[in-house]
C-alpha atoms as a PDB file:
ATOM      1  CA  MET A   1     -57.758 -42.055 -10.811  1.00  0.00           C
ATOM      2  CA  LYS A   2     -54.604 -41.647  -8.513  1.00  0.00           C
ATOM      3  CA  SER A   3     -54.616 -44.548  -6.322  1.00  0.00           C
ATOM      4  CA  GLU A   4     -53.933 -47.870  -7.354  1.00  0.00           C
ATOM      5  CA  HIS A   5     -56.062 -49.236  -4.586  1.00  0.00           C
ATOM      6  CA  ARG A   6     -58.915 -47.421  -6.256  1.00  0.00           C
ATOM      7  CA  ILE A   7     -58.959 -48.534  -9.770  1.00  0.00           C
ATOM      8  CA  LEU A   8     -58.631 -52.183  -8.773  1.00  0.00           C
ATOM      9  CA  ARG A   9     -61.219 -53.129  -6.738  1.00  0.00           C
ATOM     10  CA  ALA A  10     -60.870 -56.817  -6.465  1.00  0.00           C
ATOM     11  CA  PRO A  11     -59.864 -60.070  -8.576  1.00  0.00           C
ATOM     12  CA  CYS A  12     -62.442 -61.725 -10.349  1.00  0.00           C
ATOM     13  CA  LEU A  13     -62.254 -65.490  -9.192  1.00  0.00           C
ATOM     14  CA  THR A  14     -64.317 -67.348 -11.517  1.00  0.00           C
ATOM     15  CA  GLU A  15     -63.825 -70.741 -13.458  1.00  0.00           C
ATOM     16  CA  LYS A  16     -63.249 -69.042 -16.753  1.00  0.00           C
ATOM     17  CA  ALA A  17     -60.882 -66.478 -15.074  1.00  0.00           C
ATOM     18  CA  ASN A  18     -58.891 -69.205 -13.701  1.00  0.00           C
ATOM     19  CA  ILE A  19     -58.582 -71.073 -16.951  1.00  0.00           C
ATOM     20  CA  GLN A  20     -57.802 -67.944 -18.875  1.00  0.00           C
ATOM     21  CA  GLN A  21     -54.993 -67.625 -16.238  1.00  0.00           C
ATOM     22  CA  GLU A  22     -53.455 -70.950 -16.867  1.00  0.00           C
ATOM     23  CA  VAL A  23     -53.864 -71.022 -20.652  1.00  0.00           C
ATOM     24  CA  ASP A  24     -53.669 -67.548 -21.935  1.00  0.00           C
ATOM     25  CA  GLY A  25     -51.573 -65.895 -18.967  1.00  0.00           C
ATOM     26  CA  LYS A  26     -54.458 -63.199 -18.400  1.00  0.00           C
ATOM     27  CA  ILE A  27     -55.795 -61.843 -15.049  1.00  0.00           C
ATOM     28  CA  VAL A  28     -59.057 -60.378 -14.613  1.00  0.00           C
ATOM     29  CA  PHE A  29     -60.110 -57.684 -12.499  1.00  0.00           C
ATOM     30  CA  LYS A  30     -63.194 -55.787 -11.492  1.00  0.00           C
ATOM     31  CA  VAL A  31     -62.359 -51.923 -11.678  1.00  0.00           C
ATOM     32  CA  HIS A  32     -63.139 -48.643 -11.081  1.00  0.00           C
ATOM     33  CA  ARG A  33     -66.085 -47.890 -13.746  1.00  0.00           C
ATOM     34  CA  GLN A  34     -64.295 -44.538 -15.104  1.00  0.00           C
ATOM     35  CA  ALA A  35     -60.681 -46.057 -14.942  1.00  0.00           C
ATOM     36  CA  ASN A  36     -59.447 -46.132 -18.756  1.00  0.00           C
ATOM     37  CA  LYS A  37     -57.021 -48.859 -19.724  1.00  0.00           C
ATOM     38  CA  ILE A  38     -53.834 -46.725 -19.398  1.00  0.00           C
ATOM     39  CA  ASP A  39     -54.794 -46.362 -15.490  1.00  0.00           C
ATOM     40  CA  ILE A  40     -55.546 -49.893 -15.271  1.00  0.00           C
ATOM     41  CA  LYS A  41     -52.100 -51.030 -16.719  1.00  0.00           C
ATOM     42  CA  ASN A  42     -50.089 -48.536 -14.423  1.00  0.00           C
ATOM     43  CA  ALA A  43     -51.796 -49.925 -11.484  1.00  0.00           C
ATOM     44  CA  VAL A  44     -51.386 -53.251 -12.044  1.00  0.00           C
ATOM     45  CA  GLU A  45     -47.714 -52.820 -13.197  1.00  0.00           C
ATOM     46  CA  GLN A  46     -46.947 -50.879  -9.823  1.00  0.00           C
ATOM     47  CA  MET A  47     -48.831 -53.343  -7.512  1.00  0.00           C
ATOM     48  CA  PHE A  48     -47.425 -56.390  -8.772  1.00  0.00           C
ATOM     49  CA  ASP A  49     -44.297 -55.607 -10.118  1.00  0.00           C
ATOM     50  CA  VAL A  50     -45.230 -57.419 -13.701  1.00  0.00           C
ATOM     51  CA  LYS A  51     -44.904 -56.259 -17.347  1.00  0.00           C
ATOM     52  CA  VAL A  52     -48.494 -55.971 -18.898  1.00  0.00           C
ATOM     53  CA  LYS A  53     -48.855 -56.479 -22.611  1.00  0.00           C
ATOM     54  CA  HIS A  54     -52.390 -55.114 -23.009  1.00  0.00           C
ATOM     55  CA  VAL A  55     -55.606 -54.577 -21.363  1.00  0.00           C
ATOM     56  CA  ASN A  56     -59.095 -55.107 -22.714  1.00  0.00           C
ATOM     57  CA  THR A  57     -62.364 -54.018 -21.043  1.00  0.00           C
ATOM     58  CA  ALA A  58     -66.106 -54.686 -20.609  1.00  0.00           C
ATOM     59  CA  ASN A  59     -68.574 -52.867 -18.926  1.00  0.00           C
ATOM     60  CA  MET A  60     -71.174 -55.348 -17.244  1.00  0.00           C
ATOM     61  CA  HIS A  61     -74.437 -54.333 -16.814  1.00  0.00           C
ATOM     62  CA  GLY A  62     -76.302 -54.764 -13.265  1.00  0.00           C
ATOM     63  CA  LYS A  63     -78.942 -57.968 -13.248  1.00  0.00           C
ATOM     64  CA  GLN A  64     -82.618 -57.684 -12.289  1.00  0.00           C
ATOM     65  CA  LYS A  65     -83.274 -58.946  -8.717  1.00  0.00           C
ATOM     66  CA  ARG A  66     -86.683 -59.439  -7.162  1.00  0.00           C
ATOM     67  CA  VAL A  67     -87.408 -59.234  -3.385  1.00  0.00           C
ATOM     68  CA  GLY A  68     -90.742 -60.184  -2.890  1.00  0.00           C
ATOM     69  CA  LYS A  69     -93.014 -57.681  -5.097  1.00  0.00           C
ATOM     70  CA  PHE A  70     -90.155 -55.237  -5.675  1.00  0.00           C
ATOM     71  CA  THR A  71     -87.702 -55.367  -8.933  1.00  0.00           C
ATOM     72  CA  GLY A  72     -84.436 -53.801  -8.587  1.00  0.00           C
ATOM     73  CA  PHE A  73     -81.032 -53.968 -10.485  1.00  0.00           C
ATOM     74  CA  THR A  74     -77.656 -54.639  -9.099  1.00  0.00           C
ATOM     75  CA  ASN A  75     -74.756 -52.232  -9.927  1.00  0.00           C
ATOM     76  CA  ASP A  76     -73.139 -52.059 -13.403  1.00  0.00           C
ATOM     77  CA  TRP A  77     -69.296 -52.582 -12.653  1.00  0.00           C
ATOM     78  CA  LYS A  78     -66.376 -52.738 -15.353  1.00  0.00           C
ATOM     79  CA  LYS A  79     -64.204 -55.895 -15.973  1.00  0.00           C
ATOM     80  CA  ALA A  80     -60.511 -55.934 -17.022  1.00  0.00           C
ATOM     81  CA  TYR A  81     -58.556 -58.560 -18.677  1.00  0.00           C
ATOM     82  CA  VAL A  82     -55.035 -58.112 -18.580  1.00  0.00           C
ATOM     83  CA  THR A  83     -52.326 -60.008 -20.960  1.00  0.00           C
ATOM     84  CA  LEU A  84     -49.272 -60.153 -19.160  1.00  0.00           C
ATOM     85  CA  SER A  85     -46.140 -60.140 -21.346  1.00  0.00           C
ATOM     86  CA  GLU A  86     -43.967 -62.674 -19.176  1.00  0.00           C
ATOM     87  CA  GLY A  87     -46.870 -65.496 -20.109  1.00  0.00           C
ATOM     88  CA  LYS A  88     -48.135 -67.840 -17.610  1.00  0.00           C
ATOM     89  CA  VAL A  89     -47.760 -66.377 -13.826  1.00  0.00           C
ATOM     90  CA  ASN A  90     -49.256 -67.871 -10.818  1.00  0.00           C
ATOM     91  CA  PHE A  91     -50.812 -64.383  -9.637  1.00  0.00           C
ATOM     92  CA  THR A  92     -52.996 -65.619  -6.995  1.00  0.00           C
ATOM     93  CA  ASP A  93     -50.491 -66.101  -4.581  1.00  0.00           C
ATOM     94  CA  GLN A  94     -49.840 -62.437  -4.528  1.00  0.00           C
ATOM     95  CA  LEU A  95     -53.307 -61.607  -4.425  1.00  0.00           C
END
Protein backbone atom coordinates (compact mmCIF):
# COMPACT_ATOMS: atom_id res chain seq x y z
CA MET A 1 0.00 0.00 0.00
CA LYS A 2 2.34 2.72 -1.20
CA SER A 3 0.35 5.00 -3.49
CA GLU A 4 -2.38 7.26 -2.09
CA HIS A 5 -4.34 6.87 -5.30
CA ARG A 6 -4.48 3.10 -4.83
CA ILE A 7 -5.63 3.39 -1.20
CA LEU A 8 -8.46 5.91 -1.71
CA ARG A 9 -10.71 4.52 -4.42
CA ALA A 10 -13.58 7.04 -4.48
CA PRO A 11 -15.60 9.31 -2.21
CA CYS A 12 -18.83 7.80 -0.94
CA LEU A 13 -21.45 10.36 -2.03
CA THR A 14 -24.62 9.32 -0.25
CA GLU A 15 -27.19 11.19 1.79
CA LYS A 16 -25.87 9.77 5.04
CA ALA A 17 -22.28 10.69 4.12
CA ASN A 18 -23.30 14.27 3.27
CA ILE A 19 -25.08 14.69 6.60
CA GLN A 20 -22.06 13.36 8.50
CA GLN A 21 -19.80 15.74 6.60
CA GLU A 22 -21.91 18.78 7.46
CA VAL A 23 -22.63 17.90 11.10
CA ASP A 24 -19.56 16.02 12.35
CA GLY A 25 -16.84 16.88 9.83
CA LYS A 26 -16.53 13.23 8.76
CA ILE A 27 -15.61 12.27 5.22
CA VAL A 28 -16.51 8.83 3.82
CA PHE A 29 -14.32 7.06 1.26
CA LYS A 30 -14.36 3.74 -0.54
CA VAL A 31 -10.88 2.35 0.08
CA HIS A 32 -8.74 -0.63 -0.90
CA ARG A 33 -9.73 -3.76 1.03
CA GLN A 34 -6.22 -4.37 2.39
CA ALA A 35 -5.59 -0.78 3.52
CA ASN A 36 -5.36 -0.25 7.26
CA LYS A 37 -6.25 2.83 9.29
CA ILE A 38 -2.69 4.20 9.29
CA ASP A 39 -2.44 3.93 5.49
CA ILE A 40 -5.80 5.67 5.07
CA LYS A 41 -4.83 8.47 7.46
CA ASN A 42 -1.52 9.10 5.69
CA ALA A 43 -3.17 9.06 2.25
CA VAL A 44 -5.86 11.60 3.21
CA GLU A 45 -3.33 13.92 4.88
CA GLN A 46 -0.99 13.84 1.88
CA MET A 47 -3.64 14.22 -0.80
CA PHE A 48 -5.79 16.96 0.74
CA ASP A 49 -3.46 18.80 3.18
CA VAL A 50 -5.70 18.34 6.23
CA LYS A 51 -5.14 16.91 9.70
CA VAL A 52 -6.97 13.66 10.47
CA LYS A 53 -8.21 13.09 14.01
CA HIS A 54 -9.11 9.41 13.61
CA VAL A 55 -10.29 6.81 11.11
CA ASN A 56 -13.05 4.21 11.44
CA THR A 57 -13.42 1.42 8.88
CA ALA A 58 -16.21 -0.96 7.90
CA ASN A 59 -16.11 -4.00 5.63
CA MET A 60 -19.13 -3.98 3.33
CA HIS A 61 -20.31 -7.32 1.98
CA GLY A 62 -21.45 -7.66 -1.62
CA LYS A 63 -25.17 -7.83 -2.30
CA GLN A 64 -26.84 -10.75 -4.01
CA LYS A 65 -27.88 -9.88 -7.57
CA ARG A 66 -29.87 -11.83 -10.08
CA VAL A 67 -29.80 -11.78 -13.87
CA GLY A 68 -32.48 -14.06 -15.26
CA LYS A 69 -32.13 -17.45 -13.62
CA PHE A 70 -28.50 -16.86 -12.58
CA THR A 71 -27.61 -15.43 -9.18
CA GLY A 72 -24.34 -13.92 -8.09
CA PHE A 73 -22.83 -11.39 -5.73
CA THR A 74 -21.32 -7.95 -6.19
CA ASN A 75 -17.79 -7.41 -4.92
CA ASP A 76 -17.04 -6.85 -1.24
CA TRP A 77 -15.54 -3.44 -0.44
CA LYS A 78 -14.24 -1.38 2.47
CA LYS A 79 -15.54 1.96 3.70
CA ALA A 80 -13.53 4.47 5.75
CA TYR A 81 -15.02 7.20 7.95
CA VAL A 82 -12.34 9.89 8.31
CA THR A 83 -12.83 12.47 11.08
CA LEU A 84 -10.96 15.71 10.51
CA SER A 85 -9.41 17.58 13.42
CA GLU A 86 -10.32 20.99 11.97
CA GLY A 87 -14.02 20.23 12.16
CA LYS A 88 -16.38 21.16 9.34
CA VAL A 89 -14.63 21.45 5.99
CA ASN A 90 -16.23 21.73 2.56
CA PHE A 91 -14.37 18.74 1.18
CA THR A 92 -16.35 18.14 -2.01
CA ASP A 93 -14.77 21.15 -3.72
CA GLN A 94 -11.40 19.38 -3.71
CA LEU A 95 -12.77 16.07 -5.02
